[in-house]
Amino acid sequence: MVETPAPPASAPLPRKRPLRTDVRADILRAATEQFFESGYLGTKLDDVATRAGYTKGAVYSNFGSKQALFGSILNERLATLLGGRFATILGDEVQLDDAALARIARRLAETLVDDGPWHLLLMELAVHAARDPQAADLYRQSRQSVRLALGAVILERADRFGIDPAAHRVDVLAPLIMSATNIMALEGILDPHYFTSEVQARMIEALLVGTLR
C-alpha cells in the first residue's frame, strides 16, 4: 500500500508589525498603571515594558526616558482637562450666586476624589523636583499648562458670570484653586474619614465665595 504523502506544511504568516501609534498608546497605558501602582520614583522602565508587552528598547525609542514618558502622560492629562473636564465642573451655570458656587464646589470635590492618584503622583514629582532640575522643569511646564488652561476657561466665562477680572483677581484664582485642591486631594488620601467629599466641597465653596464675593 502506497502512503499518500502529507501535504507540505504551510509557511507561517509573517507577523504584522504594530503601528507606532499603537505601540505608544500601549506603553502610555501601561506606564500610567505602573506610575499609579509604584509611584514616580518606584517606576522602572523595565516594568513598564513588561506590562506593555514590548522591549525596554521600544520604550526608549518612543519616549527616550522615564521623565519624557511621564511628561507625555501629563500632556494626555491636560488634553483630558481641556477636552471637557473644566467645562463639566463649571456646568451650565449662568450666574455665580451662592447656590451655583455650591454646585461647582461639589462637582470639583467629586473630581478630587476620583483624581486622587493623579494628585499623589504630582506631589511626589514636586518633592523630587525640589532636588532635580530636570524634574523641576517638567513639573513647572505641566503646572503652567494647567494654570493657563484653567485661567482661560475662567476668563472665557467671566462676562457670562458677571465677573470683573480685575476687581475679583481672576488672575490668582486659577493657581489658588490648583494649590488648594492639590492639598485637599492629598489630605483626602491620608485622612479619608475626615476629608470626605462633602468636607472638601465646603472648603472649596468657602474659597470660591471668599475670592469672588
N, C-alpha and C. Protein backbone atom coordinates (compact mmCIF):
# COMPACT_ATOMS: atom_id res chain seq x y z
N MET A 1 0.85 -1.20 0.00
CA MET A 1 0.00 0.00 0.00
C MET A 1 0.89 1.25 0.00
N VAL A 2 0.64 2.09 -0.97
CA VAL A 2 1.45 3.31 -1.07
C VAL A 2 0.81 4.42 -0.24
N GLU A 3 1.61 4.94 0.65
CA GLU A 3 1.08 6.02 1.51
C GLU A 3 1.04 7.33 0.74
N THR A 4 -0.06 8.02 0.96
CA THR A 4 -0.19 9.35 0.33
C THR A 4 0.66 10.35 1.09
N PRO A 5 1.55 11.01 0.41
CA PRO A 5 2.41 11.97 1.14
C PRO A 5 1.59 13.10 1.76
N ALA A 6 1.99 13.44 2.94
CA ALA A 6 1.29 14.54 3.64
C ALA A 6 1.52 15.85 2.91
N PRO A 7 0.49 16.68 2.87
CA PRO A 7 0.65 17.98 2.21
C PRO A 7 1.72 18.80 2.91
N PRO A 8 2.46 19.57 2.18
CA PRO A 8 3.52 20.38 2.80
C PRO A 8 2.93 21.39 3.78
N ALA A 9 3.64 21.53 4.89
CA ALA A 9 3.16 22.47 5.91
C ALA A 9 3.21 23.89 5.34
N SER A 10 2.12 24.58 5.59
CA SER A 10 2.07 25.95 5.10
C SER A 10 3.02 26.83 5.90
N ALA A 11 3.66 27.73 5.22
CA ALA A 11 4.60 28.62 5.89
C ALA A 11 3.84 29.56 6.82
N PRO A 12 4.38 29.81 8.01
CA PRO A 12 3.70 30.72 8.94
C PRO A 12 3.56 32.11 8.34
N LEU A 13 2.43 32.71 8.62
CA LEU A 13 2.21 34.06 8.13
C LEU A 13 3.17 35.02 8.81
N PRO A 14 3.71 35.97 8.07
CA PRO A 14 4.62 36.93 8.71
C PRO A 14 3.88 37.73 9.77
N ARG A 15 4.57 37.92 10.89
CA ARG A 15 3.96 38.67 11.99
C ARG A 15 3.78 40.13 11.59
N LYS A 16 2.59 40.63 11.82
CA LYS A 16 2.30 42.01 11.45
C LYS A 16 2.96 42.97 12.42
N ARG A 17 3.70 43.90 11.87
CA ARG A 17 4.39 44.88 12.71
C ARG A 17 3.38 45.89 13.25
N PRO A 18 3.35 46.08 14.57
CA PRO A 18 2.36 47.02 15.13
C PRO A 18 2.67 48.46 14.69
N LEU A 19 1.62 49.23 14.57
CA LEU A 19 1.78 50.63 14.22
C LEU A 19 2.45 51.38 15.38
N ARG A 20 3.24 52.38 15.05
CA ARG A 20 3.93 53.15 16.08
C ARG A 20 2.94 53.82 17.02
N THR A 21 1.84 54.29 16.46
CA THR A 21 0.83 54.93 17.32
C THR A 21 0.25 53.94 18.32
N ASP A 22 0.06 52.68 17.89
CA ASP A 22 -0.47 51.66 18.79
C ASP A 22 0.55 51.32 19.88
N VAL A 23 1.83 51.25 19.47
CA VAL A 23 2.88 50.96 20.45
C VAL A 23 2.93 52.05 21.51
N ARG A 24 2.90 53.30 21.08
CA ARG A 24 2.93 54.41 22.03
C ARG A 24 1.73 54.39 22.96
N ALA A 25 0.56 54.10 22.40
CA ALA A 25 -0.65 54.06 23.23
C ALA A 25 -0.56 52.94 24.26
N ASP A 26 -0.05 51.78 23.85
CA ASP A 26 0.11 50.66 24.78
C ASP A 26 1.08 51.00 25.90
N ILE A 27 2.19 51.64 25.53
CA ILE A 27 3.20 52.00 26.53
C ILE A 27 2.66 53.06 27.49
N LEU A 28 1.95 54.04 26.96
CA LEU A 28 1.37 55.08 27.82
C LEU A 28 0.36 54.49 28.80
N ARG A 29 -0.46 53.58 28.31
CA ARG A 29 -1.45 52.95 29.19
C ARG A 29 -0.75 52.14 30.30
N ALA A 30 0.24 51.35 29.92
CA ALA A 30 0.96 50.54 30.90
C ALA A 30 1.73 51.43 31.88
N ALA A 31 2.33 52.51 31.37
CA ALA A 31 3.10 53.41 32.23
C ALA A 31 2.19 54.11 33.24
N THR A 32 1.03 54.53 32.81
CA THR A 32 0.10 55.18 33.73
C THR A 32 -0.27 54.23 34.87
N GLU A 33 -0.58 52.99 34.53
CA GLU A 33 -0.91 51.99 35.56
C GLU A 33 0.28 51.77 36.50
N GLN A 34 1.48 51.70 35.91
CA GLN A 34 2.67 51.45 36.73
C GLN A 34 2.99 52.61 37.64
N PHE A 35 2.85 53.85 37.13
CA PHE A 35 3.09 55.02 37.97
C PHE A 35 2.09 55.06 39.13
N PHE A 36 0.83 54.75 38.86
CA PHE A 36 -0.16 54.74 39.93
C PHE A 36 0.18 53.68 40.97
N GLU A 37 0.68 52.57 40.51
CA GLU A 37 0.96 51.44 41.40
C GLU A 37 2.25 51.63 42.19
N SER A 38 3.30 52.12 41.53
CA SER A 38 4.62 52.17 42.16
C SER A 38 5.11 53.57 42.49
N GLY A 39 4.40 54.61 42.01
CA GLY A 39 4.87 55.96 42.22
C GLY A 39 5.87 56.37 41.17
N TYR A 40 6.23 57.65 41.18
CA TYR A 40 7.16 58.16 40.16
C TYR A 40 8.55 57.56 40.35
N LEU A 41 9.08 57.64 41.56
CA LEU A 41 10.44 57.14 41.79
C LEU A 41 10.51 55.62 41.72
N GLY A 42 9.43 54.95 42.13
CA GLY A 42 9.45 53.49 42.16
C GLY A 42 9.23 52.83 40.81
N THR A 43 8.81 53.58 39.81
CA THR A 43 8.54 53.01 38.49
C THR A 43 9.83 52.87 37.70
N LYS A 44 10.02 51.68 37.13
CA LYS A 44 11.18 51.40 36.30
C LYS A 44 10.70 51.10 34.88
N LEU A 45 11.48 51.53 33.90
CA LEU A 45 11.08 51.33 32.52
C LEU A 45 11.02 49.86 32.15
N ASP A 46 11.82 49.02 32.83
CA ASP A 46 11.72 47.57 32.60
C ASP A 46 10.32 47.08 32.93
N ASP A 47 9.77 47.55 34.04
CA ASP A 47 8.43 47.13 34.45
C ASP A 47 7.37 47.65 33.49
N VAL A 48 7.56 48.88 33.01
CA VAL A 48 6.62 49.44 32.03
C VAL A 48 6.64 48.61 30.75
N ALA A 49 7.85 48.26 30.28
CA ALA A 49 7.98 47.47 29.06
C ALA A 49 7.31 46.11 29.20
N THR A 50 7.54 45.44 30.32
CA THR A 50 6.93 44.14 30.56
C THR A 50 5.42 44.24 30.59
N ARG A 51 4.94 45.25 31.25
CA ARG A 51 3.49 45.44 31.38
C ARG A 51 2.86 45.73 30.03
N ALA A 52 3.57 46.46 29.19
CA ALA A 52 3.04 46.83 27.87
C ALA A 52 3.20 45.71 26.85
N GLY A 53 4.10 44.75 27.15
CA GLY A 53 4.34 43.66 26.21
C GLY A 53 5.36 43.98 25.15
N TYR A 54 6.26 44.92 25.44
CA TYR A 54 7.31 45.30 24.48
C TYR A 54 8.66 45.23 25.18
N THR A 55 9.70 45.47 24.41
CA THR A 55 11.03 45.51 24.97
C THR A 55 11.30 46.88 25.59
N LYS A 56 12.32 46.91 26.43
CA LYS A 56 12.72 48.20 27.02
C LYS A 56 13.19 49.14 25.93
N GLY A 57 13.80 48.57 24.88
CA GLY A 57 14.25 49.40 23.76
C GLY A 57 13.10 50.10 23.07
N ALA A 58 11.94 49.43 23.01
CA ALA A 58 10.77 50.06 22.39
C ALA A 58 10.32 51.26 23.21
N VAL A 59 10.41 51.15 24.53
CA VAL A 59 10.04 52.28 25.39
C VAL A 59 10.99 53.45 25.16
N TYR A 60 12.28 53.15 25.11
CA TYR A 60 13.28 54.20 24.90
C TYR A 60 13.14 54.84 23.52
N SER A 61 12.88 54.02 22.50
CA SER A 61 12.81 54.57 21.15
C SER A 61 11.60 55.47 20.97
N ASN A 62 10.55 55.25 21.77
CA ASN A 62 9.34 56.07 21.65
C ASN A 62 9.34 57.27 22.60
N PHE A 63 10.03 57.17 23.74
CA PHE A 63 9.94 58.24 24.73
C PHE A 63 11.29 58.75 25.23
N GLY A 64 12.33 57.97 25.10
CA GLY A 64 13.66 58.45 25.45
C GLY A 64 14.06 58.31 26.90
N SER A 65 13.15 58.56 27.84
CA SER A 65 13.48 58.50 29.25
C SER A 65 12.19 58.39 30.07
N LYS A 66 12.36 58.04 31.35
CA LYS A 66 11.19 57.97 32.23
C LYS A 66 10.56 59.34 32.39
N GLN A 67 11.40 60.35 32.48
CA GLN A 67 10.87 61.71 32.63
C GLN A 67 10.05 62.11 31.42
N ALA A 68 10.55 61.81 30.21
CA ALA A 68 9.81 62.15 29.00
C ALA A 68 8.51 61.36 28.90
N LEU A 69 8.55 60.12 29.35
CA LEU A 69 7.35 59.29 29.35
C LEU A 69 6.30 59.87 30.29
N PHE A 70 6.74 60.27 31.47
CA PHE A 70 5.80 60.87 32.42
C PHE A 70 5.27 62.19 31.89
N GLY A 71 6.13 62.94 31.19
CA GLY A 71 5.68 64.19 30.59
C GLY A 71 4.59 63.96 29.56
N SER A 72 4.70 62.88 28.79
CA SER A 72 3.66 62.55 27.79
C SER A 72 2.35 62.21 28.48
N ILE A 73 2.45 61.53 29.62
CA ILE A 73 1.23 61.20 30.38
C ILE A 73 0.59 62.49 30.90
N LEU A 74 1.40 63.42 31.38
CA LEU A 74 0.86 64.70 31.85
C LEU A 74 0.20 65.47 30.71
N ASN A 75 0.78 65.39 29.51
CA ASN A 75 0.17 66.06 28.36
C ASN A 75 -1.18 65.45 28.02
N GLU A 76 -1.29 64.14 28.13
CA GLU A 76 -2.59 63.49 27.90
C GLU A 76 -3.60 63.94 28.94
N ARG A 77 -3.11 64.08 30.16
CA ARG A 77 -3.98 64.55 31.25
C ARG A 77 -4.51 65.95 30.95
N LEU A 78 -3.62 66.81 30.46
CA LEU A 78 -4.03 68.17 30.11
C LEU A 78 -5.07 68.14 29.00
N ALA A 79 -4.87 67.27 28.01
CA ALA A 79 -5.83 67.16 26.92
C ALA A 79 -7.20 66.74 27.44
N THR A 80 -7.21 65.86 28.44
CA THR A 80 -8.47 65.43 29.03
C THR A 80 -9.16 66.60 29.73
N LEU A 81 -8.37 67.39 30.45
CA LEU A 81 -8.93 68.55 31.14
C LEU A 81 -9.53 69.53 30.15
N LEU A 82 -8.76 69.81 29.09
CA LEU A 82 -9.24 70.75 28.09
C LEU A 82 -10.41 70.18 27.30
N GLY A 83 -10.45 68.85 27.21
CA GLY A 83 -11.49 68.21 26.41
C GLY A 83 -12.86 68.18 27.06
N GLY A 84 -12.97 68.75 28.25
CA GLY A 84 -14.30 68.79 28.84
C GLY A 84 -14.37 68.77 30.35
N ARG A 85 -13.25 68.40 31.03
CA ARG A 85 -13.32 68.30 32.49
C ARG A 85 -13.62 69.65 33.12
N PHE A 86 -12.94 70.70 32.69
CA PHE A 86 -13.19 72.02 33.25
C PHE A 86 -14.63 72.46 33.00
N ALA A 87 -15.10 72.23 31.77
CA ALA A 87 -16.47 72.64 31.42
C ALA A 87 -17.49 71.86 32.24
N THR A 88 -17.21 70.59 32.50
CA THR A 88 -18.13 69.77 33.30
C THR A 88 -18.22 70.31 34.72
N ILE A 89 -17.08 70.71 35.28
CA ILE A 89 -17.07 71.23 36.65
C ILE A 89 -17.88 72.54 36.73
N LEU A 90 -17.70 73.41 35.75
CA LEU A 90 -18.44 74.67 35.75
C LEU A 90 -19.91 74.47 35.41
N GLY A 91 -20.19 73.40 34.65
CA GLY A 91 -21.58 73.10 34.32
C GLY A 91 -22.20 74.16 33.43
N ASP A 92 -23.53 74.23 33.48
CA ASP A 92 -24.25 75.20 32.65
C ASP A 92 -24.75 76.38 33.48
N GLU A 93 -24.01 76.69 34.55
CA GLU A 93 -24.39 77.80 35.41
C GLU A 93 -24.37 79.11 34.62
N VAL A 94 -25.34 79.95 34.86
CA VAL A 94 -25.41 81.23 34.15
C VAL A 94 -25.12 82.41 35.07
N GLN A 95 -25.13 82.17 36.37
CA GLN A 95 -24.75 83.23 37.31
C GLN A 95 -24.12 82.58 38.54
N LEU A 96 -23.23 83.31 39.16
CA LEU A 96 -22.49 82.74 40.29
C LEU A 96 -23.09 83.19 41.62
N ASP A 97 -24.33 82.76 41.87
CA ASP A 97 -24.91 83.01 43.18
C ASP A 97 -24.41 81.92 44.13
N ASP A 98 -24.82 81.99 45.40
CA ASP A 98 -24.33 81.04 46.39
C ASP A 98 -24.66 79.60 46.01
N ALA A 99 -25.85 79.38 45.47
CA ALA A 99 -26.26 78.02 45.10
C ALA A 99 -25.39 77.48 43.97
N ALA A 100 -25.07 78.33 43.00
CA ALA A 100 -24.24 77.90 41.86
C ALA A 100 -22.82 77.58 42.33
N LEU A 101 -22.27 78.43 43.21
CA LEU A 101 -20.93 78.18 43.73
C LEU A 101 -20.89 76.88 44.52
N ALA A 102 -21.95 76.58 45.24
CA ALA A 102 -22.00 75.32 45.99
C ALA A 102 -22.02 74.13 45.05
N ARG A 103 -22.74 74.24 43.94
CA ARG A 103 -22.79 73.13 42.97
C ARG A 103 -21.43 72.94 42.30
N ILE A 104 -20.79 74.05 41.94
CA ILE A 104 -19.47 73.96 41.32
C ILE A 104 -18.47 73.34 42.30
N ALA A 105 -18.53 73.75 43.57
CA ALA A 105 -17.63 73.21 44.58
C ALA A 105 -17.84 71.72 44.77
N ARG A 106 -19.10 71.29 44.74
CA ARG A 106 -19.39 69.86 44.91
C ARG A 106 -18.85 69.04 43.73
N ARG A 107 -19.03 69.56 42.51
CA ARG A 107 -18.51 68.85 41.34
C ARG A 107 -16.98 68.77 41.38
N LEU A 108 -16.34 69.86 41.81
CA LEU A 108 -14.89 69.87 41.89
C LEU A 108 -14.40 68.90 42.97
N ALA A 109 -15.09 68.84 44.09
CA ALA A 109 -14.72 67.92 45.16
C ALA A 109 -14.85 66.46 44.70
N GLU A 110 -15.89 66.17 43.95
CA GLU A 110 -16.06 64.81 43.43
C GLU A 110 -14.93 64.46 42.48
N THR A 111 -14.47 65.43 41.72
CA THR A 111 -13.35 65.21 40.81
C THR A 111 -12.07 64.93 41.60
N LEU A 112 -11.89 65.62 42.72
CA LEU A 112 -10.70 65.40 43.55
C LEU A 112 -10.64 63.96 44.04
N VAL A 113 -11.79 63.44 44.46
CA VAL A 113 -11.82 62.06 44.96
C VAL A 113 -11.44 61.10 43.83
N ASP A 114 -12.01 61.32 42.66
CA ASP A 114 -11.71 60.44 41.51
C ASP A 114 -10.26 60.57 41.06
N ASP A 115 -9.68 61.76 41.20
CA ASP A 115 -8.34 62.03 40.68
C ASP A 115 -7.26 61.95 41.76
N GLY A 116 -7.59 61.33 42.89
CA GLY A 116 -6.62 61.23 43.98
C GLY A 116 -5.26 60.70 43.55
N PRO A 117 -5.19 59.60 42.79
CA PRO A 117 -3.88 59.08 42.36
C PRO A 117 -3.07 60.09 41.55
N TRP A 118 -3.74 60.91 40.74
CA TRP A 118 -3.01 61.93 39.97
C TRP A 118 -2.34 62.92 40.90
N HIS A 119 -3.10 63.41 41.87
CA HIS A 119 -2.56 64.40 42.78
C HIS A 119 -1.40 63.82 43.60
N LEU A 120 -1.52 62.56 43.98
CA LEU A 120 -0.45 61.92 44.74
C LEU A 120 0.83 61.85 43.90
N LEU A 121 0.69 61.50 42.63
CA LEU A 121 1.85 61.46 41.74
C LEU A 121 2.47 62.84 41.58
N LEU A 122 1.63 63.86 41.43
CA LEU A 122 2.15 65.22 41.26
C LEU A 122 2.88 65.70 42.51
N MET A 123 2.36 65.34 43.68
CA MET A 123 3.04 65.73 44.92
C MET A 123 4.39 65.04 45.02
N GLU A 124 4.45 63.76 44.62
CA GLU A 124 5.72 63.05 44.64
C GLU A 124 6.71 63.68 43.65
N LEU A 125 6.21 64.02 42.47
CA LEU A 125 7.06 64.67 41.48
C LEU A 125 7.55 66.02 42.00
N ALA A 126 6.68 66.76 42.68
CA ALA A 126 7.06 68.07 43.20
C ALA A 126 8.18 67.95 44.23
N VAL A 127 8.09 66.95 45.12
CA VAL A 127 9.13 66.74 46.13
C VAL A 127 10.44 66.37 45.45
N HIS A 128 10.37 65.47 44.47
CA HIS A 128 11.56 65.06 43.73
C HIS A 128 12.14 66.25 42.95
N ALA A 129 11.26 67.09 42.41
CA ALA A 129 11.69 68.23 41.60
C ALA A 129 12.47 69.24 42.41
N ALA A 130 12.25 69.28 43.72
CA ALA A 130 12.96 70.24 44.56
C ALA A 130 14.46 69.97 44.56
N ARG A 131 14.86 68.74 44.20
CA ARG A 131 16.28 68.37 44.19
C ARG A 131 16.77 67.97 42.80
N ASP A 132 15.90 68.01 41.81
CA ASP A 132 16.27 67.57 40.47
C ASP A 132 15.83 68.63 39.46
N PRO A 133 16.77 69.38 38.89
CA PRO A 133 16.40 70.47 37.97
C PRO A 133 15.58 70.01 36.77
N GLN A 134 15.88 68.83 36.22
CA GLN A 134 15.12 68.35 35.06
C GLN A 134 13.69 68.03 35.45
N ALA A 135 13.51 67.39 36.60
CA ALA A 135 12.16 67.10 37.08
C ALA A 135 11.43 68.40 37.40
N ALA A 136 12.18 69.40 37.88
CA ALA A 136 11.57 70.69 38.19
C ALA A 136 11.03 71.34 36.91
N ASP A 137 11.78 71.24 35.82
CA ASP A 137 11.31 71.78 34.55
C ASP A 137 10.03 71.10 34.11
N LEU A 138 9.99 69.78 34.25
CA LEU A 138 8.80 69.02 33.87
C LEU A 138 7.60 69.44 34.71
N TYR A 139 7.82 69.58 36.02
CA TYR A 139 6.73 69.96 36.91
C TYR A 139 6.22 71.36 36.59
N ARG A 140 7.13 72.31 36.40
CA ARG A 140 6.73 73.69 36.12
C ARG A 140 5.97 73.78 34.81
N GLN A 141 6.46 73.11 33.79
CA GLN A 141 5.80 73.16 32.48
C GLN A 141 4.38 72.59 32.57
N SER A 142 4.25 71.48 33.29
CA SER A 142 2.93 70.85 33.42
C SER A 142 1.96 71.75 34.17
N ARG A 143 2.42 72.30 35.29
CA ARG A 143 1.54 73.13 36.10
C ARG A 143 1.20 74.43 35.38
N GLN A 144 2.17 74.97 34.64
CA GLN A 144 1.89 76.19 33.89
C GLN A 144 0.81 75.93 32.83
N SER A 145 0.89 74.79 32.17
CA SER A 145 -0.10 74.46 31.14
C SER A 145 -1.50 74.38 31.74
N VAL A 146 -1.61 73.71 32.88
CA VAL A 146 -2.92 73.59 33.54
C VAL A 146 -3.39 74.94 34.03
N ARG A 147 -2.48 75.72 34.60
CA ARG A 147 -2.83 77.04 35.13
C ARG A 147 -3.36 77.95 34.03
N LEU A 148 -2.68 77.97 32.89
CA LEU A 148 -3.12 78.80 31.78
C LEU A 148 -4.45 78.33 31.22
N ALA A 149 -4.61 77.00 31.13
CA ALA A 149 -5.87 76.45 30.60
C ALA A 149 -7.04 76.78 31.52
N LEU A 150 -6.84 76.61 32.82
CA LEU A 150 -7.90 76.91 33.77
C LEU A 150 -8.21 78.41 33.78
N GLY A 151 -7.15 79.22 33.73
CA GLY A 151 -7.36 80.66 33.69
C GLY A 151 -8.13 81.10 32.46
N ALA A 152 -7.84 80.45 31.33
CA ALA A 152 -8.55 80.79 30.09
C ALA A 152 -10.03 80.45 30.19
N VAL A 153 -10.34 79.31 30.81
CA VAL A 153 -11.74 78.92 30.98
C VAL A 153 -12.46 79.91 31.89
N ILE A 154 -11.81 80.33 32.97
CA ILE A 154 -12.42 81.29 33.89
C ILE A 154 -12.67 82.62 33.19
N LEU A 155 -11.67 83.11 32.44
CA LEU A 155 -11.84 84.39 31.73
C LEU A 155 -12.90 84.29 30.65
N GLU A 156 -12.98 83.11 30.01
CA GLU A 156 -13.97 82.92 28.97
C GLU A 156 -15.38 83.07 29.51
N ARG A 157 -15.57 82.66 30.76
CA ARG A 157 -16.91 82.72 31.35
C ARG A 157 -17.13 83.95 32.23
N ALA A 158 -16.11 84.79 32.33
CA ALA A 158 -16.21 85.94 33.23
C ALA A 158 -17.39 86.84 32.88
N ASP A 159 -17.53 87.18 31.61
CA ASP A 159 -18.63 88.05 31.19
C ASP A 159 -19.98 87.39 31.46
N ARG A 160 -20.08 86.12 31.15
CA ARG A 160 -21.33 85.41 31.36
C ARG A 160 -21.72 85.37 32.82
N PHE A 161 -20.69 85.26 33.69
CA PHE A 161 -20.96 85.19 35.12
C PHE A 161 -21.04 86.57 35.77
N GLY A 162 -20.78 87.62 34.99
CA GLY A 162 -20.80 88.95 35.56
C GLY A 162 -19.61 89.24 36.46
N ILE A 163 -18.45 88.64 36.13
CA ILE A 163 -17.25 88.83 36.94
C ILE A 163 -16.36 89.87 36.29
N ASP A 164 -15.89 90.80 37.09
CA ASP A 164 -14.89 91.77 36.62
C ASP A 164 -13.52 91.17 36.95
N PRO A 165 -12.77 90.72 35.95
CA PRO A 165 -11.49 90.05 36.22
C PRO A 165 -10.54 90.86 37.08
N ALA A 166 -10.50 92.17 36.89
CA ALA A 166 -9.59 93.00 37.67
C ALA A 166 -10.04 93.11 39.12
N ALA A 167 -11.32 93.31 39.31
CA ALA A 167 -11.84 93.52 40.67
C ALA A 167 -11.79 92.25 41.51
N HIS A 168 -11.95 91.09 40.86
CA HIS A 168 -12.01 89.83 41.61
C HIS A 168 -10.74 89.02 41.55
N ARG A 169 -9.66 89.62 41.01
CA ARG A 169 -8.36 88.95 40.95
C ARG A 169 -8.47 87.56 40.34
N VAL A 170 -9.10 87.48 39.20
CA VAL A 170 -9.22 86.21 38.50
C VAL A 170 -7.84 85.65 38.14
N ASP A 171 -6.85 86.56 38.03
CA ASP A 171 -5.50 86.11 37.66
C ASP A 171 -4.90 85.18 38.70
N VAL A 172 -5.32 85.33 39.97
CA VAL A 172 -4.80 84.45 41.01
C VAL A 172 -5.76 83.32 41.35
N LEU A 173 -6.95 83.34 40.80
CA LEU A 173 -7.94 82.31 41.15
C LEU A 173 -7.49 80.94 40.66
N ALA A 174 -6.97 80.86 39.42
CA ALA A 174 -6.56 79.56 38.89
C ALA A 174 -5.46 78.92 39.73
N PRO A 175 -4.32 79.62 40.00
CA PRO A 175 -3.30 79.00 40.83
C PRO A 175 -3.76 78.74 42.26
N LEU A 176 -4.66 79.59 42.76
CA LEU A 176 -5.18 79.38 44.12
C LEU A 176 -5.99 78.09 44.18
N ILE A 177 -6.85 77.88 43.20
CA ILE A 177 -7.65 76.65 43.16
C ILE A 177 -6.75 75.43 42.99
N MET A 178 -5.75 75.54 42.11
CA MET A 178 -4.85 74.41 41.88
C MET A 178 -4.10 74.04 43.15
N SER A 179 -3.54 75.04 43.84
CA SER A 179 -2.77 74.76 45.06
C SER A 179 -3.65 74.17 46.15
N ALA A 180 -4.83 74.77 46.33
CA ALA A 180 -5.73 74.30 47.38
C ALA A 180 -6.23 72.89 47.11
N THR A 181 -6.61 72.62 45.87
CA THR A 181 -7.15 71.30 45.56
C THR A 181 -6.08 70.22 45.62
N ASN A 182 -4.83 70.56 45.30
CA ASN A 182 -3.75 69.58 45.45
C ASN A 182 -3.63 69.13 46.91
N ILE A 183 -3.63 70.11 47.82
CA ILE A 183 -3.51 69.80 49.25
C ILE A 183 -4.74 69.03 49.73
N MET A 184 -5.93 69.45 49.30
CA MET A 184 -7.15 68.76 49.71
C MET A 184 -7.15 67.31 49.24
N ALA A 185 -6.70 67.09 48.01
CA ALA A 185 -6.67 65.73 47.48
C ALA A 185 -5.73 64.86 48.29
N LEU A 186 -4.56 65.41 48.66
CA LEU A 186 -3.61 64.65 49.46
C LEU A 186 -4.17 64.36 50.84
N GLU A 187 -4.80 65.37 51.45
CA GLU A 187 -5.42 65.16 52.77
C GLU A 187 -6.51 64.09 52.68
N GLY A 188 -7.26 64.09 51.57
CA GLY A 188 -8.31 63.10 51.40
C GLY A 188 -7.77 61.68 51.31
N ILE A 189 -6.57 61.53 50.74
CA ILE A 189 -5.95 60.21 50.66
C ILE A 189 -5.44 59.78 52.04
N LEU A 190 -4.82 60.73 52.77
CA LEU A 190 -4.21 60.40 54.05
C LEU A 190 -5.23 60.28 55.18
N ASP A 191 -6.31 61.05 55.10
CA ASP A 191 -7.33 61.02 56.17
C ASP A 191 -8.73 61.05 55.54
N PRO A 192 -9.11 59.96 54.87
CA PRO A 192 -10.37 59.95 54.14
C PRO A 192 -11.61 60.02 55.03
N HIS A 193 -11.46 59.65 56.29
CA HIS A 193 -12.63 59.67 57.18
C HIS A 193 -13.03 61.10 57.54
N TYR A 194 -12.04 62.00 57.59
CA TYR A 194 -12.37 63.41 57.87
C TYR A 194 -12.56 64.20 56.59
N PHE A 195 -11.57 64.11 55.68
CA PHE A 195 -11.62 64.90 54.45
C PHE A 195 -12.47 64.19 53.39
N THR A 196 -13.74 64.07 53.71
CA THR A 196 -14.68 63.45 52.79
C THR A 196 -14.98 64.41 51.64
N SER A 197 -15.67 63.91 50.63
CA SER A 197 -16.06 64.76 49.52
C SER A 197 -16.90 65.94 49.99
N GLU A 198 -17.76 65.70 50.99
CA GLU A 198 -18.62 66.78 51.50
C GLU A 198 -17.79 67.86 52.18
N VAL A 199 -16.81 67.46 53.00
CA VAL A 199 -15.95 68.44 53.68
C VAL A 199 -15.14 69.22 52.65
N GLN A 200 -14.60 68.53 51.66
CA GLN A 200 -13.83 69.21 50.62
C GLN A 200 -14.69 70.19 49.84
N ALA A 201 -15.94 69.81 49.58
CA ALA A 201 -16.85 70.70 48.86
C ALA A 201 -17.09 71.98 49.64
N ARG A 202 -17.26 71.86 50.96
CA ARG A 202 -17.48 73.06 51.78
C ARG A 202 -16.23 73.95 51.80
N MET A 203 -15.05 73.33 51.83
CA MET A 203 -13.81 74.10 51.81
C MET A 203 -13.65 74.84 50.48
N ILE A 204 -13.93 74.15 49.38
CA ILE A 204 -13.82 74.78 48.06
C ILE A 204 -14.85 75.89 47.92
N GLU A 205 -16.04 75.66 48.42
CA GLU A 205 -17.10 76.69 48.37
C GLU A 205 -16.66 77.95 49.12
N ALA A 206 -16.06 77.77 50.30
CA ALA A 206 -15.58 78.91 51.08
C ALA A 206 -14.49 79.65 50.32
N LEU A 207 -13.62 78.91 49.63
CA LEU A 207 -12.57 79.52 48.84
C LEU A 207 -13.15 80.34 47.70
N LEU A 208 -14.13 79.78 46.99
CA LEU A 208 -14.74 80.48 45.86
C LEU A 208 -15.51 81.71 46.31
N VAL A 209 -16.26 81.56 47.38
CA VAL A 209 -17.04 82.70 47.88
C VAL A 209 -16.10 83.83 48.32
N GLY A 210 -15.02 83.44 49.02
CA GLY A 210 -14.08 84.45 49.51
C GLY A 210 -13.36 85.17 48.38
N THR A 211 -13.17 84.51 47.25
CA THR A 211 -12.46 85.12 46.13
C THR A 211 -13.38 85.92 45.23
N LEU A 212 -14.60 85.42 45.02
CA LEU A 212 -15.49 86.02 44.05
C LEU A 212 -16.55 86.95 44.64
N ARG A 213 -16.59 87.05 45.92
CA ARG A 213 -17.58 87.96 46.53
C ARG A 213 -16.92 89.27 46.98
